[in-house]
Amino acid sequence: MAQLLRIDASPRDARSHTRRLADVFIEAWLARHPADRVVRRDVGFHPPPPVDESWIEAAFTGPQERTPAMRAALALSDELVDELLASDVLLLGIPMYNFGIPAALKAWIDQVVRVGRTFAFEPDDPHQPYRPLTRGKRAFAIVATGDDGYEPGGPMGRMNQVEPYLRTVLPFIGIMDIDFVYVGNDEFGGDRLERAVNAAVARVRELAARAHRPRGPVEAEVEEAGT
């Protein structure tokens, strides 16, 4: 049994294309993997707070040296990190805002990209001071855009800051396998939007149906030991 962590970043409810497509993905995924567990974190409706000075001080203090106030400053971050580490699949529903991710999703990322938890910092290593600490996970990102053509290589692709950022920050903590699905034309509406949504629904269903489940960390360690 695997665990799928769903992150909804849209502040919209019934009118959200990413929420609808995430529902489609979950339905198709569970049809193939009925024993899997889904955990939902709705940062669109309940955004995490941005990191502040007390958070930074606590995060860069060793666990044994943290004061009760420091532990309190990291309590939500620890909860979010534990959720991520316990999951095998990450599903992100992302409306594109001003060519990037919503502030609520950035706040969640800042809470889970944690030194000593999801990445290691080794200052004595001159070649690779940063090392990812998560293993055996994969991610799917559903991105809604106002216009069409934001996919890499598309006419608006050079303005897309969502995919390049996620393809940087997720591998930084060890999530290397990432698939993107785009649904465009939200600002146009009508038949143009309907065609885009229908195409995205088909793509999401196909992706969920054929995507392989990630190997767990134990499986990865066994394979490495045998090589």
C-alpha atoms as a PDB file:
ATOM      1  CA  MET A   1       0.000   0.000   0.000  1.00  0.00           C
ATOM      2  CA  ALA A   2       1.303   3.438  -0.951  1.00  0.00           C
ATOM      3  CA  GLN A   3       0.335   6.872   0.331  1.00  0.00           C
ATOM      4  CA  LEU A   4      -0.556   9.740  -1.992  1.00  0.00           C
ATOM      5  CA  LEU A   5      -0.261  13.291  -0.657  1.00  0.00           C
ATOM      6  CA  ARG A   6      -2.550  15.732  -2.446  1.00  0.00           C
ATOM      7  CA  ILE A   7      -1.766  19.439  -2.195  1.00  0.00           C
ATOM      8  CA  ASP A   8      -4.471  21.838  -3.418  1.00  0.00           C
ATOM      9  CA  ALA A   9      -3.141  25.365  -3.943  1.00  0.00           C
ATOM     10  CA  SER A  10      -6.185  27.016  -5.510  1.00  0.00           C
ATOM     11  CA  PRO A  11      -8.266  29.403  -3.377  1.00  0.00           C
ATOM     12  CA  ARG A  12     -11.236  28.625  -5.622  1.00  0.00           C
ATOM     13  CA  ASP A  13     -13.595  25.763  -4.887  1.00  0.00           C
ATOM     14  CA  ALA A  14     -16.192  24.614  -7.429  1.00  0.00           C
ATOM     15  CA  ARG A  15     -14.703  26.777 -10.200  1.00  0.00           C
ATOM     16  CA  SER A  16     -11.184  25.418  -9.729  1.00  0.00           C
ATOM     17  CA  HIS A  17      -9.901  23.409 -12.679  1.00  0.00           C
ATOM     18  CA  THR A  18      -6.968  22.020 -10.704  1.00  0.00           C
ATOM     19  CA  ARG A  19      -9.245  20.692  -7.966  1.00  0.00           C
ATOM     20  CA  ARG A  20     -11.492  19.026 -10.531  1.00  0.00           C
ATOM     21  CA  LEU A  21      -8.528  17.472 -12.341  1.00  0.00           C
ATOM     22  CA  ALA A  22      -6.975  16.338  -9.070  1.00  0.00           C
ATOM     23  CA  ASP A  23     -10.268  14.580  -8.283  1.00  0.00           C
ATOM     24  CA  VAL A  24     -10.066  12.852 -11.678  1.00  0.00           C
ATOM     25  CA  PHE A  25      -6.485  11.796 -11.009  1.00  0.00           C
ATOM     26  CA  ILE A  26      -7.327  10.387  -7.571  1.00  0.00           C
ATOM     27  CA  GLU A  27     -10.296   8.454  -8.961  1.00  0.00           C
ATOM     28  CA  ALA A  28      -8.187   6.921 -11.740  1.00  0.00           C
ATOM     29  CA  TRP A  29      -5.273   6.197  -9.413  1.00  0.00           C
ATOM     30  CA  LEU A  30      -7.437   4.442  -6.818  1.00  0.00           C
ATOM     31  CA  ALA A  31      -9.155   2.415  -9.537  1.00  0.00           C
ATOM     32  CA  ARG A  32      -5.737   0.957 -10.275  1.00  0.00           C
ATOM     33  CA  HIS A  33      -4.414   0.961  -6.694  1.00  0.00           C
ATOM     34  CA  PRO A  34      -7.515   0.583  -4.484  1.00  0.00           C
ATOM     35  CA  ALA A  35      -5.524  -0.119  -1.316  1.00  0.00           C
ATOM     36  CA  ASP A  36      -3.574   3.135  -1.513  1.00  0.00           C
ATOM     37  CA  ARG A  37      -4.201   5.883   1.023  1.00  0.00           C
ATOM     38  CA  VAL A  38      -4.841   9.524   0.094  1.00  0.00           C
ATOM     39  CA  VAL A  39      -3.883  12.364   2.438  1.00  0.00           C
ATOM     40  CA  ARG A  40      -5.101  15.837   1.526  1.00  0.00           C
ATOM     41  CA  ARG A  41      -3.500  19.135   2.501  1.00  0.00           C
ATOM     42  CA  ASP A  42      -5.462  22.160   1.305  1.00  0.00           C
ATOM     43  CA  VAL A  43      -3.084  25.113   1.300  1.00  0.00           C
ATOM     44  CA  GLY A  44      -5.410  27.100  -0.954  1.00  0.00           C
ATOM     45  CA  PHE A  45      -8.019  27.305   1.796  1.00  0.00           C
ATOM     46  CA  HIS A  46      -5.588  27.023   4.727  1.00  0.00           C
ATOM     47  CA  PRO A  47      -2.232  28.525   3.698  1.00  0.00           C
ATOM     48  CA  PRO A  48       0.762  27.847   5.935  1.00  0.00           C
ATOM     49  CA  PRO A  49       2.429  30.924   7.404  1.00  0.00           C
ATOM     50  CA  PRO A  50       5.599  32.208   5.768  1.00  0.00           C
ATOM     51  CA  VAL A  51       8.843  31.416   7.528  1.00  0.00           C
ATOM     52  CA  ASP A  52      10.063  34.107   9.908  1.00  0.00           C
ATOM     53  CA  GLU A  53      13.154  34.807  12.000  1.00  0.00           C
ATOM     54  CA  SER A  54      12.149  32.464  14.830  1.00  0.00           C
ATOM     55  CA  TRP A  55      11.518  29.648  12.326  1.00  0.00           C
ATOM     56  CA  ILE A  56      14.910  30.147  10.667  1.00  0.00           C
ATOM     57  CA  GLU A  57      16.733  30.225  14.006  1.00  0.00           C
ATOM     58  CA  ALA A  58      14.980  27.037  15.116  1.00  0.00           C
ATOM     59  CA  ALA A  59      15.527  25.198  11.823  1.00  0.00           C
ATOM     60  CA  PHE A  60      19.263  25.865  11.904  1.00  0.00           C
ATOM     61  CA  THR A  61      19.619  24.854  15.551  1.00  0.00           C
ATOM     62  CA  GLY A  62      20.349  21.202  16.274  1.00  0.00           C
ATOM     63  CA  PRO A  63      17.317  19.210  17.483  1.00  0.00           C
ATOM     64  CA  GLN A  64      18.889  18.524  20.882  1.00  0.00           C
ATOM     65  CA  GLU A  65      19.645  22.215  21.444  1.00  0.00           C
ATOM     66  CA  ARG A  66      16.216  23.600  20.565  1.00  0.00           C
ATOM     67  CA  THR A  67      14.258  25.393  23.239  1.00  0.00           C
ATOM     68  CA  PRO A  68      10.526  24.786  23.760  1.00  0.00           C
ATOM     69  CA  ALA A  69       9.879  28.026  21.857  1.00  0.00           C
ATOM     70  CA  MET A  70      11.966  26.769  18.939  1.00  0.00           C
ATOM     71  CA  ARG A  71      10.130  23.461  18.873  1.00  0.00           C
ATOM     72  CA  ALA A  72       6.842  25.350  18.845  1.00  0.00           C
ATOM     73  CA  ALA A  73       8.066  27.489  15.932  1.00  0.00           C
ATOM     74  CA  LEU A  74       8.711  24.309  13.924  1.00  0.00           C
ATOM     75  CA  ALA A  75       5.617  22.361  14.996  1.00  0.00           C
ATOM     76  CA  LEU A  76       3.633  22.912  11.792  1.00  0.00           C
ATOM     77  CA  SER A  77       6.725  22.425   9.644  1.00  0.00           C
ATOM     78  CA  ASP A  78       7.406  19.103  11.368  1.00  0.00           C
ATOM     79  CA  GLU A  79       3.814  18.030  10.715  1.00  0.00           C
ATOM     80  CA  LEU A  80       4.064  18.942   7.028  1.00  0.00           C
ATOM     81  CA  VAL A  81       7.474  17.297   6.618  1.00  0.00           C
ATOM     82  CA  ASP A  82       6.247  14.119   8.325  1.00  0.00           C
ATOM     83  CA  GLU A  83       3.286  14.059   5.914  1.00  0.00           C
ATOM     84  CA  LEU A  84       5.598  14.362   2.927  1.00  0.00           C
ATOM     85  CA  LEU A  85       8.117  11.801   4.160  1.00  0.00           C
ATOM     86  CA  ALA A  86       5.337   9.285   4.833  1.00  0.00           C
ATOM     87  CA  SER A  87       4.035   9.641   1.265  1.00  0.00           C
ATOM     88  CA  ASP A  88       5.128   7.887  -1.907  1.00  0.00           C
ATOM     89  CA  VAL A  89       3.304  10.071  -4.425  1.00  0.00           C
ATOM     90  CA  LEU A  90       2.897  13.858  -4.409  1.00  0.00           C
ATOM     91  CA  LEU A  91      -0.005  15.383  -6.364  1.00  0.00           C
ATOM     92  CA  LEU A  92       0.070  19.167  -6.758  1.00  0.00           C
ATOM     93  CA  GLY A  93      -2.881  21.211  -8.021  1.00  0.00           C
ATOM     94  CA  ILE A  94      -1.469  24.585  -9.077  1.00  0.00           C
ATOM     95  CA  PRO A  95      -3.123  27.625 -10.620  1.00  0.00           C
ATOM     96  CA  MET A  96      -0.486  29.765 -12.342  1.00  0.00           C
ATOM     97  CA  TYR A  97      -0.426  33.273 -10.874  1.00  0.00           C
ATOM     98  CA  ASN A  98       1.646  35.897 -12.682  1.00  0.00           C
ATOM     99  CA  PHE A  99       3.627  33.093 -14.345  1.00  0.00           C
ATOM    100  CA  GLY A 100       4.586  31.427 -11.048  1.00  0.00           C
ATOM    101  CA  ILE A 101       3.144  29.353  -8.219  1.00  0.00           C
ATOM    102  CA  PRO A 102       0.663  30.763  -5.673  1.00  0.00           C
ATOM    103  CA  ALA A 103       2.091  32.212  -2.467  1.00  0.00           C
ATOM    104  CA  ALA A 104       0.324  29.508  -0.446  1.00  0.00           C
ATOM    105  CA  LEU A 105       2.183  26.742  -2.285  1.00  0.00           C
ATOM    106  CA  LYS A 106       5.479  28.596  -1.920  1.00  0.00           C
ATOM    107  CA  ALA A 107       4.803  28.821   1.825  1.00  0.00           C
ATOM    108  CA  TRP A 108       4.225  25.042   1.960  1.00  0.00           C
ATOM    109  CA  ILE A 109       7.453  24.409   0.052  1.00  0.00           C
ATOM    110  CA  ASP A 110       9.382  26.683   2.399  1.00  0.00           C
ATOM    111  CA  GLN A 111       7.989  24.718   5.349  1.00  0.00           C
ATOM    112  CA  VAL A 112       9.015  21.301   3.963  1.00  0.00           C
ATOM    113  CA  VAL A 113      12.406  22.101   2.434  1.00  0.00           C
ATOM    114  CA  ARG A 114      14.164  21.683   5.772  1.00  0.00           C
ATOM    115  CA  VAL A 115      17.827  21.244   6.552  1.00  0.00           C
ATOM    116  CA  GLY A 116      18.315  17.953   8.369  1.00  0.00           C
ATOM    117  CA  ARG A 117      14.862  16.704   7.381  1.00  0.00           C
ATOM    118  CA  THR A 118      14.510  16.795   3.593  1.00  0.00           C
ATOM    119  CA  PHE A 119      18.016  17.913   2.635  1.00  0.00           C
ATOM    120  CA  ALA A 120      21.431  17.763   4.262  1.00  0.00           C
ATOM    121  CA  PHE A 121      23.956  20.585   4.389  1.00  0.00           C
ATOM    122  CA  GLU A 122      27.576  19.483   4.637  1.00  0.00           C
ATOM    123  CA  PRO A 123      29.751  22.629   4.550  1.00  0.00           C
ATOM    124  CA  ASP A 124      32.983  20.634   4.592  1.00  0.00           C
ATOM    125  CA  ASP A 125      32.180  19.089   1.216  1.00  0.00           C
ATOM    126  CA  PRO A 126      33.481  21.587  -1.371  1.00  0.00           C
ATOM    127  CA  HIS A 127      31.899  19.771  -4.312  1.00  0.00           C
ATOM    128  CA  GLN A 128      28.418  18.851  -3.076  1.00  0.00           C
ATOM    129  CA  PRO A 129      27.489  20.587   0.191  1.00  0.00           C
ATOM    130  CA  TYR A 130      23.763  19.921  -0.342  1.00  0.00           C
ATOM    131  CA  ARG A 131      22.340  16.401  -0.462  1.00  0.00           C
ATOM    132  CA  PRO A 132      18.677  15.316  -0.815  1.00  0.00           C
ATOM    133  CA  LEU A 133      17.259  13.190   1.987  1.00  0.00           C
ATOM    134  CA  THR A 134      13.998  11.916   0.478  1.00  0.00           C
ATOM    135  CA  ARG A 135      13.900   8.774  -1.653  1.00  0.00           C
ATOM    136  CA  GLY A 136      11.453   6.607  -3.558  1.00  0.00           C
ATOM    137  CA  LYS A 137       8.921   9.340  -4.377  1.00  0.00           C
ATOM    138  CA  ARG A 138       7.396  10.759  -7.542  1.00  0.00           C
ATOM    139  CA  ALA A 139       5.307  13.845  -8.216  1.00  0.00           C
ATOM    140  CA  PHE A 140       2.494  14.913 -10.517  1.00  0.00           C
ATOM    141  CA  ALA A 141       1.692  18.587 -11.081  1.00  0.00           C
ATOM    142  CA  ILE A 142      -1.576  19.824 -12.573  1.00  0.00           C
ATOM    143  CA  VAL A 143      -1.176  23.432 -13.722  1.00  0.00           C
ATOM    144  CA  ALA A 144      -4.039  25.727 -14.758  1.00  0.00           C
ATOM    145  CA  THR A 145      -3.255  28.778 -16.883  1.00  0.00           C
ATOM    146  CA  GLY A 146      -5.245  31.701 -18.243  1.00  0.00           C
ATOM    147  CA  ASP A 147      -3.975  31.293 -21.805  1.00  0.00           C
ATOM    148  CA  ASP A 148      -2.710  28.287 -23.740  1.00  0.00           C
ATOM    149  CA  GLY A 149       0.788  27.208 -24.739  1.00  0.00           C
ATOM    150  CA  TYR A 150       2.674  27.440 -21.437  1.00  0.00           C
ATOM    151  CA  GLU A 151       4.155  23.973 -21.845  1.00  0.00           C
ATOM    152  CA  PRO A 152       7.929  23.880 -22.474  1.00  0.00           C
ATOM    153  CA  GLY A 153       8.443  24.709 -26.140  1.00  0.00           C
ATOM    154  CA  GLY A 154       5.018  26.339 -26.447  1.00  0.00           C
ATOM    155  CA  PRO A 155       4.474  29.934 -27.562  1.00  0.00           C
ATOM    156  CA  MET A 156       4.159  31.058 -23.916  1.00  0.00           C
ATOM    157  CA  GLY A 157       6.644  28.548 -22.538  1.00  0.00           C
ATOM    158  CA  ARG A 158       9.403  31.079 -21.872  1.00  0.00           C
ATOM    159  CA  MET A 159       7.091  32.870 -19.414  1.00  0.00           C
ATOM    160  CA  ASN A 160       6.360  29.709 -17.429  1.00  0.00           C
ATOM    161  CA  GLN A 161       8.090  29.932 -14.046  1.00  0.00           C
ATOM    162  CA  VAL A 162       6.087  27.091 -12.472  1.00  0.00           C
ATOM    163  CA  GLU A 163       7.717  24.091 -14.107  1.00  0.00           C
ATOM    164  CA  PRO A 164      11.352  25.304 -13.989  1.00  0.00           C
ATOM    165  CA  TYR A 165      10.987  26.119 -10.296  1.00  0.00           C
ATOM    166  CA  LEU A 166       9.426  22.777  -9.375  1.00  0.00           C
ATOM    167  CA  ARG A 167      12.009  20.926 -11.473  1.00  0.00           C
ATOM    168  CA  THR A 168      14.631  22.665  -9.336  1.00  0.00           C
ATOM    169  CA  VAL A 169      13.216  22.531  -5.819  1.00  0.00           C
ATOM    170  CA  LEU A 170      11.713  19.019  -5.845  1.00  0.00           C
ATOM    171  CA  PRO A 171      14.922  17.283  -7.034  1.00  0.00           C
ATOM    172  CA  PHE A 172      16.802  19.363  -4.445  1.00  0.00           C
ATOM    173  CA  ILE A 173      15.058  17.296  -1.757  1.00  0.00           C
ATOM    174  CA  GLY A 174      15.159  14.065  -3.778  1.00  0.00           C
ATOM    175  CA  ILE A 175      11.930  13.980  -5.820  1.00  0.00           C
ATOM    176  CA  MET A 176      13.309  13.469  -9.316  1.00  0.00           C
ATOM    177  CA  ASP A 177      10.391  11.905 -11.203  1.00  0.00           C
ATOM    178  CA  ILE A 178       7.883  14.671 -12.046  1.00  0.00           C
ATOM    179  CA  ASP A 179       5.050  14.746 -14.603  1.00  0.00           C
ATOM    180  CA  PHE A 180       3.142  17.888 -15.608  1.00  0.00           C
ATOM    181  CA  VAL A 181      -0.371  18.273 -17.002  1.00  0.00           C
ATOM    182  CA  TYR A 182      -1.515  21.696 -18.234  1.00  0.00           C
ATOM    183  CA  VAL A 183      -5.041  23.014 -18.627  1.00  0.00           C
ATOM    184  CA  GLY A 184      -5.222  26.384 -20.365  1.00  0.00           C
ATOM    185  CA  ASN A 185      -7.633  29.007 -21.643  1.00  0.00           C
ATOM    186  CA  ASP A 186      -9.325  29.757 -18.324  1.00  0.00           C
ATOM    187  CA  GLU A 187      -9.555  33.449 -19.195  1.00  0.00           C
ATOM    188  CA  PHE A 188     -11.165  32.744 -22.578  1.00  0.00           C
ATOM    189  CA  GLY A 189     -13.963  30.455 -21.446  1.00  0.00           C
ATOM    190  CA  GLY A 190     -16.489  28.981 -23.851  1.00  0.00           C
ATOM    191  CA  ASP A 191     -15.630  26.209 -26.284  1.00  0.00           C
ATOM    192  CA  ARG A 192     -11.943  27.015 -26.095  1.00  0.00           C
ATOM    193  CA  LEU A 193     -11.847  26.351 -22.360  1.00  0.00           C
ATOM    194  CA  GLU A 194     -14.094  23.294 -22.662  1.00  0.00           C
ATOM    195  CA  ARG A 195     -11.749  21.703 -25.195  1.00  0.00           C
ATOM    196  CA  ALA A 196      -8.757  22.414 -22.958  1.00  0.00           C
ATOM    197  CA  VAL A 197     -10.447  20.904 -19.902  1.00  0.00           C
ATOM    198  CA  ASN A 198     -11.562  17.802 -21.802  1.00  0.00           C
ATOM    199  CA  ALA A 199      -8.041  17.271 -23.132  1.00  0.00           C
ATOM    200  CA  ALA A 200      -6.582  17.688 -19.650  1.00  0.00           C
ATOM    201  CA  VAL A 201      -9.091  15.227 -18.167  1.00  0.00           C
ATOM    202  CA  ALA A 202      -8.082  12.633 -20.759  1.00  0.00           C
ATOM    203  CA  ARG A 203      -4.395  13.300 -20.117  1.00  0.00           C
ATOM    204  CA  VAL A 204      -4.809  13.023 -16.337  1.00  0.00           C
ATOM    205  CA  ARG A 205      -6.714   9.748 -16.622  1.00  0.00           C
ATOM    206  CA  GLU A 206      -4.138   8.317 -19.002  1.00  0.00           C
ATOM    207  CA  LEU A 207      -1.249   9.402 -16.791  1.00  0.00           C
ATOM    208  CA  ALA A 208      -2.784   8.001 -13.600  1.00  0.00           C
ATOM    209  CA  ALA A 209      -3.625   4.749 -15.355  1.00  0.00           C
ATOM    210  CA  ARG A 210      -0.170   4.085 -16.788  1.00  0.00           C
ATOM    211  CA  ALA A 211       2.167   5.728 -14.274  1.00  0.00           C
ATOM    212  CA  HIS A 212       4.285   3.303 -12.317  1.00  0.00           C
ATOM    213  CA  ARG A 213       4.191   3.398  -8.553  1.00  0.00           C
ATOM    214  CA  PRO A 214       7.441   4.648  -7.039  1.00  0.00           C
ATOM    215  CA  ARG A 215       9.792   2.274  -5.350  1.00  0.00           C
ATOM    216  CA  GLY A 216       9.911   2.662  -1.599  1.00  0.00           C
ATOM    217  CA  PRO A 217      13.206   3.558   0.088  1.00  0.00           C
ATOM    218  CA  VAL A 218      13.744  -0.026   1.247  1.00  0.00           C
ATOM    219  CA  GLU A 219      13.446  -1.309  -2.333  1.00  0.00           C
ATOM    220  CA  ALA A 220      15.880   1.341  -3.532  1.00  0.00           C
ATOM    221  CA  GLU A 221      18.394   0.435  -0.832  1.00  0.00           C
ATOM    222  CA  VAL A 222      18.143  -3.267  -1.679  1.00  0.00           C
ATOM    223  CA  GLU A 223      18.763  -2.550  -5.364  1.00  0.00           C
ATOM    224  CA  GLU A 224      21.751  -0.327  -4.566  1.00  0.00           C
ATOM    225  CA  ALA A 225      23.201  -2.985  -2.278  1.00  0.00           C
ATOM    226  CA  GLY A 226      22.991  -5.503  -5.110  1.00  0.00           C
ATOM    227  CA  THR A 227      24.720  -3.312  -7.694  1.00  0.00           C
END
